[in-house]
Amino acid sequence: MKVLILGGNGMVGGHSALRLTELGHKVTLASRTAPATGTPLGSLPWIQIDYVNDPVNEAVLGAFDALVFAAGNDIRHVPEDTPADVHWGRANSEAVPAFIESAKAAGVKRAIVIGSFYPQAAPELLATEPYIASRKAADDGARALADDSFHVVSLNAPVIIGHVPGLLIPAYDAYARWALGQLPLPRQAPPGGTNVISVDTLTDAIVDALDRGENGRAYLIGDENLTWAQLLQYFLDAAGDKDPLPVVDEEFPLLPDSMMMRGRGSTIYFDLDLEQAKELGYRTNDVARTANIIVEAVKSGT
């Protein structure tokens, strides 16, 4: 298939682009900024698309059989001059379904939309968190376009950790450098936790959903329910520091309170659907392995 990956210069889009290329698909990246030259992503075709601010060129979209949309705006992506709820409404609730609709009109036959787990794992937060409501609107709006001529699947993921060769992922670069003693931050974790998956797990699901995902379905995918201390301990273990990490009830720079949708000390866990994992063919119990990959990449400079 000819596959366009929107958000192809990010962790999820970039990782899936490399995997789909290995599998023989003809992949083109799309993003606001080009991938770095001399990297694996930099060797792939790239086109500039800002799905929020620029008009959609349906002639460009029409060259592709499938779209992987991995560019939704999360809680880190709020412009300084725009109220958060206004930005999320525009960038998620409105722009995501509009872009998917343009892809359908252009003749694209399949779309995979990467969304957030919050609307399915913590639906009670929809009434109080505009960000979560915007992700649900994006998901619902995209899947409403599914019909016999246009196959749409959403994959709603929790916290994702991973590594893409040649791509700096600031958050996990910081986790690894902290674990290696290269950042002057305390050796502690905040209370609470979340479900976590690896980018390999998510890419497994993307590959299979393109082939056999149920049309119009929103899949809640995940892997391990971890405390923040357990997640950070995986990075410490990978760095050779096996001492248990203390939990301290104060904000920690690597896991700021803005990430805690139910507040510091809370958890957002859910039970993994093993039948669904089998259906989509995605791996599980992969977070510790991925933390090792990230730490080793930082140590080797790759």
Protein backbone atom coordinates (compact mmCIF):
# COMPACT_ATOMS: atom_id res chain seq x y z
CA MET A 1 0.00 0.00 0.00
CA LYS A 2 0.92 3.63 -0.44
CA VAL A 3 0.69 4.97 3.11
CA LEU A 4 0.77 8.59 4.28
CA ILE A 5 1.75 9.04 7.92
CA LEU A 6 0.68 12.37 9.37
CA GLY A 7 2.89 13.11 12.35
CA GLY A 8 5.64 11.12 10.67
CA ASN A 9 8.36 13.19 12.34
CA GLY A 10 7.19 12.13 15.82
CA MET A 11 7.75 9.01 17.88
CA VAL A 12 4.58 7.10 16.97
CA GLY A 13 4.42 8.19 13.35
CA GLY A 14 8.14 7.74 12.80
CA HIS A 15 8.27 4.31 14.39
CA SER A 16 5.30 3.04 12.41
CA ALA A 17 6.77 4.52 9.22
CA LEU A 18 9.97 2.53 9.60
CA ARG A 19 8.09 -0.68 10.39
CA LEU A 20 5.67 -0.31 7.48
CA THR A 21 8.60 0.41 5.17
CA GLU A 22 10.32 -2.77 6.34
CA LEU A 23 7.12 -4.65 5.53
CA GLY A 24 7.22 -3.43 1.94
CA HIS A 25 4.73 -0.55 2.01
CA LYS A 26 5.52 2.69 0.20
CA VAL A 27 5.54 5.20 3.04
CA THR A 28 5.51 8.99 2.86
CA LEU A 29 5.89 11.15 5.95
CA ALA A 30 3.87 14.30 6.52
CA SER A 31 4.46 16.84 9.27
CA ARG A 32 5.04 20.53 9.87
CA THR A 33 8.84 20.10 9.94
CA ALA A 34 11.02 17.76 7.94
CA PRO A 35 12.87 14.88 9.58
CA ALA A 36 16.59 15.34 10.07
CA THR A 37 18.78 14.45 7.12
CA GLY A 38 21.08 11.50 7.59
CA THR A 39 18.55 9.63 9.76
CA PRO A 40 16.33 6.67 8.86
CA LEU A 41 13.29 8.96 8.76
CA GLY A 42 15.21 11.48 6.67
CA SER A 43 15.60 8.88 3.94
CA LEU A 44 11.82 8.61 3.42
CA PRO A 45 9.71 10.88 1.18
CA TRP A 46 8.28 13.84 3.09
CA ILE A 47 5.62 16.46 2.44
CA GLN A 48 4.76 19.44 4.61
CA ILE A 49 1.25 19.37 6.09
CA ASP A 50 -0.11 21.46 8.95
CA TYR A 51 -3.55 19.93 9.33
CA VAL A 52 -4.72 22.61 11.79
CA ASN A 53 -3.70 25.81 10.01
CA ASP A 54 -3.32 25.08 6.29
CA PRO A 55 -5.86 24.23 3.58
CA VAL A 56 -5.99 20.54 2.68
CA ASN A 57 -4.67 19.59 -0.74
CA GLU A 58 -6.91 16.69 -1.75
CA ALA A 59 -4.87 16.13 -4.90
CA VAL A 60 -1.91 15.27 -2.67
CA LEU A 61 -3.95 13.04 -0.39
CA GLY A 62 -5.47 11.20 -3.34
CA ALA A 63 -2.12 9.59 -4.16
CA PHE A 64 -2.38 7.33 -1.10
CA ASP A 65 -4.28 4.17 -0.30
CA ALA A 66 -4.09 4.57 3.47
CA LEU A 67 -3.54 7.22 6.14
CA VAL A 68 -2.07 6.82 9.61
CA PHE A 69 -3.03 9.90 11.62
CA ALA A 70 -0.53 10.26 14.48
CA ALA A 71 -0.62 14.02 14.91
CA GLY A 72 -3.33 14.73 17.49
CA ASN A 73 -2.54 17.54 19.92
CA ASP A 74 -1.95 16.47 23.53
CA ILE A 75 -1.54 18.39 26.79
CA ARG A 76 1.98 19.53 25.80
CA HIS A 77 0.82 21.28 22.63
CA VAL A 78 -0.84 24.49 23.75
CA PRO A 79 0.33 27.79 22.16
CA GLU A 80 1.15 30.48 24.70
CA ASP A 81 -1.26 32.96 23.12
CA THR A 82 -4.31 30.65 22.99
CA PRO A 83 -6.52 29.38 25.84
CA ALA A 84 -6.04 25.63 26.21
CA ASP A 85 -9.70 24.70 25.71
CA VAL A 86 -9.93 26.83 22.58
CA HIS A 87 -6.80 25.26 21.13
CA TRP A 88 -7.88 21.68 21.82
CA GLY A 89 -11.32 22.35 20.40
CA ARG A 90 -9.82 23.66 17.19
CA ALA A 91 -6.89 21.24 16.84
CA ASN A 92 -8.64 18.06 17.97
CA SER A 93 -12.44 18.34 17.96
CA GLU A 94 -12.63 20.21 14.65
CA ALA A 95 -9.43 19.73 12.65
CA VAL A 96 -8.96 15.98 13.08
CA PRO A 97 -12.37 14.90 11.68
CA ALA A 98 -12.08 17.57 8.99
CA PHE A 99 -8.73 16.18 7.83
CA ILE A 100 -10.02 12.59 7.86
CA GLU A 101 -13.05 13.73 5.86
CA SER A 102 -10.73 15.35 3.30
CA ALA A 103 -8.79 12.11 3.02
CA LYS A 104 -12.03 10.24 2.36
CA ALA A 105 -13.10 12.77 -0.27
CA ALA A 106 -9.68 12.44 -1.94
CA GLY A 107 -10.13 8.70 -2.37
CA VAL A 108 -8.05 7.33 0.50
CA LYS A 109 -9.56 3.95 1.42
CA ARG A 110 -8.24 3.26 4.94
CA ALA A 111 -7.42 5.43 7.95
CA ILE A 112 -5.94 4.61 11.33
CA VAL A 113 -6.40 7.37 13.91
CA ILE A 114 -4.14 7.33 16.96
CA GLY A 115 -6.06 8.73 19.90
CA SER A 116 -5.97 8.92 23.69
CA PHE A 117 -7.09 6.31 26.20
CA TYR A 118 -8.73 8.80 28.56
CA PRO A 119 -12.24 8.86 27.04
CA GLN A 120 -12.52 5.08 27.32
CA ALA A 121 -10.47 4.44 30.47
CA ALA A 122 -11.71 7.44 32.48
CA PRO A 123 -14.98 8.62 30.89
CA GLU A 124 -16.04 10.48 34.05
CA LEU A 125 -13.37 13.09 33.22
CA LEU A 126 -15.10 14.10 29.98
CA ALA A 127 -17.32 16.58 31.80
CA THR A 128 -14.47 18.39 33.54
CA GLU A 129 -11.42 18.09 31.25
CA PRO A 130 -11.70 19.93 27.89
CA TYR A 131 -8.60 18.14 26.62
CA ILE A 132 -10.18 14.71 27.12
CA ALA A 133 -13.47 15.88 25.61
CA SER A 134 -11.55 17.12 22.55
CA ARG A 135 -9.87 13.77 22.05
CA LYS A 136 -13.23 11.99 22.22
CA ALA A 137 -14.72 14.42 19.70
CA ALA A 138 -11.79 13.79 17.36
CA ASP A 139 -12.21 10.03 17.71
CA ASP A 140 -16.00 10.05 17.32
CA GLY A 141 -15.87 12.45 14.39
CA ALA A 142 -13.30 10.40 12.51
CA ARG A 143 -15.08 7.07 13.03
CA ALA A 144 -18.43 8.56 11.99
CA LEU A 145 -16.97 8.75 8.47
CA ALA A 146 -16.61 4.97 8.22
CA ASP A 147 -18.67 3.27 5.52
CA ASP A 148 -18.33 0.62 2.85
CA SER A 149 -15.92 2.79 0.87
CA PHE A 150 -13.83 4.15 3.75
CA HIS A 151 -12.37 1.96 6.50
CA VAL A 152 -11.64 3.85 9.75
CA VAL A 153 -10.18 2.43 12.96
CA SER A 154 -9.04 4.33 16.03
CA LEU A 155 -6.36 3.06 18.41
CA ASN A 156 -6.62 4.81 21.75
CA ALA A 157 -3.39 4.50 23.67
CA PRO A 158 -2.14 5.33 27.18
CA VAL A 159 1.33 6.66 28.00
CA ILE A 160 3.69 5.50 25.24
CA ILE A 161 7.43 5.06 25.67
CA GLY A 162 9.83 4.32 22.87
CA HIS A 163 12.85 5.00 20.73
CA VAL A 164 13.19 5.83 17.03
CA PRO A 165 16.74 5.76 15.61
CA GLY A 166 17.98 9.26 14.86
CA LEU A 167 14.97 11.00 16.44
CA LEU A 168 15.34 12.86 19.74
CA ILE A 169 12.35 12.23 22.00
CA PRO A 170 12.95 14.80 24.74
CA ALA A 171 10.88 13.22 27.52
CA TYR A 172 12.50 9.82 27.35
CA ASP A 173 15.94 11.21 26.65
CA ALA A 174 15.48 13.04 29.98
CA TYR A 175 14.28 9.86 31.76
CA ALA A 176 17.38 8.01 30.59
CA ARG A 177 19.78 10.82 31.46
CA TRP A 178 18.21 11.10 34.92
CA ALA A 179 18.58 7.35 35.44
CA LEU A 180 22.22 7.58 34.33
CA GLY A 181 22.88 10.38 36.81
CA GLN A 182 23.31 13.03 34.12
CA LEU A 183 20.45 15.30 35.24
CA PRO A 184 20.51 17.10 38.62
CA LEU A 185 17.09 15.88 39.72
CA PRO A 186 16.19 14.01 42.91
CA ARG A 187 16.05 10.25 42.96
CA GLN A 188 12.35 9.91 43.72
CA ALA A 189 8.92 9.39 42.12
CA PRO A 190 5.52 10.97 42.71
CA PRO A 191 2.63 8.82 43.92
CA GLY A 192 0.10 7.47 41.45
CA GLY A 193 0.37 5.70 38.13
CA THR A 194 -1.05 4.87 34.73
CA ASN A 195 -1.19 2.25 32.02
CA VAL A 196 1.91 2.28 29.80
CA ILE A 197 2.74 0.71 26.45
CA SER A 198 5.79 0.65 24.21
CA VAL A 199 5.82 2.24 20.80
CA ASP A 200 6.52 -1.25 19.43
CA THR A 201 3.22 -2.41 20.92
CA LEU A 202 1.37 0.47 19.30
CA THR A 203 3.07 -0.11 15.95
CA ASP A 204 2.08 -3.79 16.11
CA ALA A 205 -1.52 -2.65 16.50
CA ILE A 206 -1.25 -0.11 13.65
CA VAL A 207 0.10 -2.71 11.24
CA ASP A 208 -2.64 -5.21 12.04
CA ALA A 209 -5.43 -2.61 12.18
CA LEU A 210 -4.54 -1.50 8.64
CA ASP A 211 -5.08 -5.06 7.50
CA ARG A 212 -7.92 -6.38 9.62
CA GLY A 213 -9.16 -3.84 12.18
CA GLU A 214 -12.94 -3.72 12.59
CA ASN A 215 -14.33 -0.83 10.56
CA GLY A 216 -15.60 2.03 12.72
CA ARG A 217 -14.26 0.58 15.98
CA ALA A 218 -12.40 2.41 18.76
CA TYR A 219 -9.86 0.03 20.29
CA LEU A 220 -8.61 0.75 23.81
CA ILE A 221 -5.10 -0.67 23.72
CA GLY A 222 -2.54 -0.88 26.49
CA ASP A 223 -0.03 -3.03 28.29
CA GLU A 224 1.09 -2.61 31.91
CA ASN A 225 -0.61 -0.84 34.81
CA LEU A 226 2.38 0.77 36.54
CA THR A 227 2.95 3.17 39.38
CA TRP A 228 5.11 6.11 38.39
CA ALA A 229 7.78 4.63 40.65
CA GLN A 230 7.65 1.32 38.76
CA LEU A 231 7.95 3.08 35.41
CA LEU A 232 10.94 5.14 36.54
CA GLN A 233 12.46 2.06 38.18
CA TYR A 234 12.57 0.38 34.78
CA PHE A 235 14.87 3.17 33.60
CA LEU A 236 17.00 2.96 36.76
CA ASP A 237 17.29 -0.80 36.36
CA ALA A 238 18.41 -0.33 32.77
CA ALA A 239 21.07 2.09 33.98
CA GLY A 240 22.30 -0.42 36.57
CA ASP A 241 20.68 1.20 39.62
CA LYS A 242 18.65 -1.54 41.32
CA ASP A 243 17.86 0.22 44.61
CA PRO A 244 14.11 0.76 45.15
CA LEU A 245 12.93 4.24 44.23
CA PRO A 246 11.26 6.17 47.08
CA VAL A 247 7.84 7.73 46.52
CA VAL A 248 7.61 11.37 47.62
CA ASP A 249 4.33 13.29 47.54
CA GLU A 250 5.54 16.35 45.67
CA GLU A 251 5.71 17.40 42.04
CA PHE A 252 8.53 15.77 40.11
CA PRO A 253 9.87 17.54 36.98
CA LEU A 254 9.92 14.41 34.82
CA LEU A 255 6.28 13.68 35.71
CA PRO A 256 4.65 17.08 36.28
CA ASP A 257 1.25 17.40 37.91
CA SER A 258 -0.19 18.51 34.55
CA MET A 259 0.09 14.85 33.46
CA MET A 260 -2.07 13.66 36.35
CA MET A 261 -5.61 13.92 35.02
CA ARG A 262 -7.10 12.73 38.29
CA GLY A 263 -4.54 14.60 40.36
CA ARG A 264 -1.20 13.60 41.86
CA GLY A 265 -1.44 10.29 43.68
CA SER A 266 -4.24 8.96 41.51
CA THR A 267 -4.17 6.14 38.97
CA ILE A 268 -5.81 5.51 35.62
CA TYR A 269 -5.60 1.77 35.12
CA PHE A 270 -7.63 -0.67 33.03
CA ASP A 271 -7.65 -4.39 32.39
CA LEU A 272 -5.94 -5.46 29.21
CA ASP A 273 -8.27 -7.18 26.74
CA LEU A 274 -6.18 -10.24 25.89
CA GLU A 275 -8.53 -11.33 23.11
CA GLN A 276 -8.21 -7.92 21.50
CA ALA A 277 -4.42 -8.04 21.85
CA LYS A 278 -4.48 -11.37 20.06
CA GLU A 279 -6.85 -10.02 17.40
CA LEU A 280 -4.57 -7.10 16.59
CA GLY A 281 -1.37 -9.08 17.16
CA TYR A 282 0.32 -6.65 19.50
CA ARG A 283 2.96 -7.56 22.04
CA THR A 284 2.58 -7.19 25.80
CA ASN A 285 4.92 -6.96 28.82
CA ASP A 286 7.19 -4.78 26.71
CA VAL A 287 7.80 -1.69 28.84
CA ALA A 288 10.94 -2.82 30.69
CA ARG A 289 12.57 -3.96 27.44
CA THR A 290 11.82 -0.60 25.87
CA ALA A 291 13.29 1.32 28.82
CA ASN A 292 16.48 -0.66 28.27
CA ILE A 293 16.50 0.29 24.59
CA ILE A 294 16.08 3.98 25.44
CA VAL A 295 18.85 3.96 28.03
CA GLU A 296 21.23 2.10 25.73
CA ALA A 297 20.47 4.54 22.90
CA VAL A 298 21.35 7.51 25.13
CA LYS A 299 24.54 5.80 26.29
CA SER A 300 25.60 5.11 22.70
CA GLY A 301 24.39 8.42 21.27
CA THR A 302 22.02 6.81 18.77
